Amino acid sequence: MRSALAALAELPGFQRGEIARFSEMAEESKSAICSYLASVIEIAETEAAGRWSKRRLVRERREEG
């Protein structure tokens, strides 16, 4: 995205300052999206790990008894 915007900034009719501002906004949005996705994945993985742990404990108790 950044290289495409940088290329546009070199063309007539596009203001470099505006392109730079939009480029920064795009990077900020990309970072926010990645952070959000990582947090959702982390929650799902933590919940899955808890379920697997419970199953393992039940199985181990059953095998011991």
Protein backbone atom coordinates (compact mmCIF):
# COMPACT_ATOMS: atom_id res chain seq x y z
CA MET A 1 0.00 0.00 0.00
CA ARG A 2 2.76 2.39 0.95
CA SER A 3 4.63 1.97 -2.32
CA ALA A 4 1.44 2.52 -4.33
CA LEU A 5 0.70 5.71 -2.42
CA ALA A 6 4.31 6.86 -2.79
CA ALA A 7 4.03 6.33 -6.55
CA LEU A 8 0.84 8.41 -6.63
CA ALA A 9 2.59 11.20 -4.76
CA GLU A 10 4.99 11.50 -7.70
CA LEU A 11 2.21 12.06 -10.22
CA PRO A 12 0.82 15.46 -11.12
CA GLY A 13 -2.43 16.35 -9.44
CA PHE A 14 -1.71 14.51 -6.20
CA GLN A 15 -0.58 16.48 -3.18
CA ARG A 16 2.38 14.84 -1.44
CA GLY A 17 1.22 15.97 1.98
CA GLU A 18 -2.21 14.43 1.54
CA ILE A 19 -0.75 11.19 0.22
CA ALA A 20 1.64 11.08 3.20
CA ARG A 21 -1.25 11.68 5.59
CA PHE A 22 -3.32 8.89 4.03
CA SER A 23 -0.30 6.59 4.06
CA GLU A 24 0.12 7.15 7.80
CA MET A 25 -3.60 6.56 8.36
CA ALA A 26 -3.38 3.32 6.38
CA GLU A 27 -0.44 2.12 8.50
CA GLU A 28 -2.32 3.02 11.68
CA SER A 29 -5.39 1.12 10.49
CA LYS A 30 -3.28 -1.88 9.51
CA SER A 31 -1.70 -1.95 12.96
CA ALA A 32 -5.07 -1.65 14.68
CA ILE A 33 -6.54 -4.45 12.56
CA CYS A 34 -3.59 -6.76 13.28
CA SER A 35 -3.81 -6.01 16.99
CA TYR A 36 -7.54 -6.73 17.05
CA LEU A 37 -7.19 -9.97 15.11
CA ALA A 38 -4.36 -11.14 17.35
CA SER A 39 -6.42 -10.46 20.48
CA VAL A 40 -9.41 -12.40 19.14
CA ILE A 41 -7.17 -15.31 18.15
CA GLU A 42 -5.46 -15.24 21.56
CA ILE A 43 -8.81 -15.47 23.36
CA ALA A 44 -9.95 -18.37 21.16
CA GLU A 45 -6.66 -20.24 21.60
CA THR A 46 -6.67 -19.73 25.36
CA GLU A 47 -10.22 -21.09 25.59
CA ALA A 48 -9.28 -24.07 23.42
CA ALA A 49 -6.23 -24.78 25.57
CA GLY A 50 -8.46 -24.77 28.65
CA ARG A 51 -10.86 -27.26 27.09
CA TRP A 52 -8.00 -29.58 26.05
CA SER A 53 -6.47 -29.32 29.51
CA LYS A 54 -9.76 -30.31 31.15
CA ARG A 55 -10.12 -33.27 28.81
CA ARG A 56 -6.56 -34.39 29.57
CA LEU A 57 -7.12 -34.16 33.32
CA VAL A 58 -10.35 -36.16 33.08
CA ARG A 59 -8.61 -38.80 30.99
CA GLU A 60 -5.64 -39.00 33.38
CA ARG A 61 -7.94 -39.35 36.41
CA ARG A 62 -9.91 -42.05 34.65
CA GLU A 63 -6.73 -43.94 33.76
CA GLU A 64 -5.43 -43.70 37.35
CA GLY A 65 -8.64 -44.89 38.94
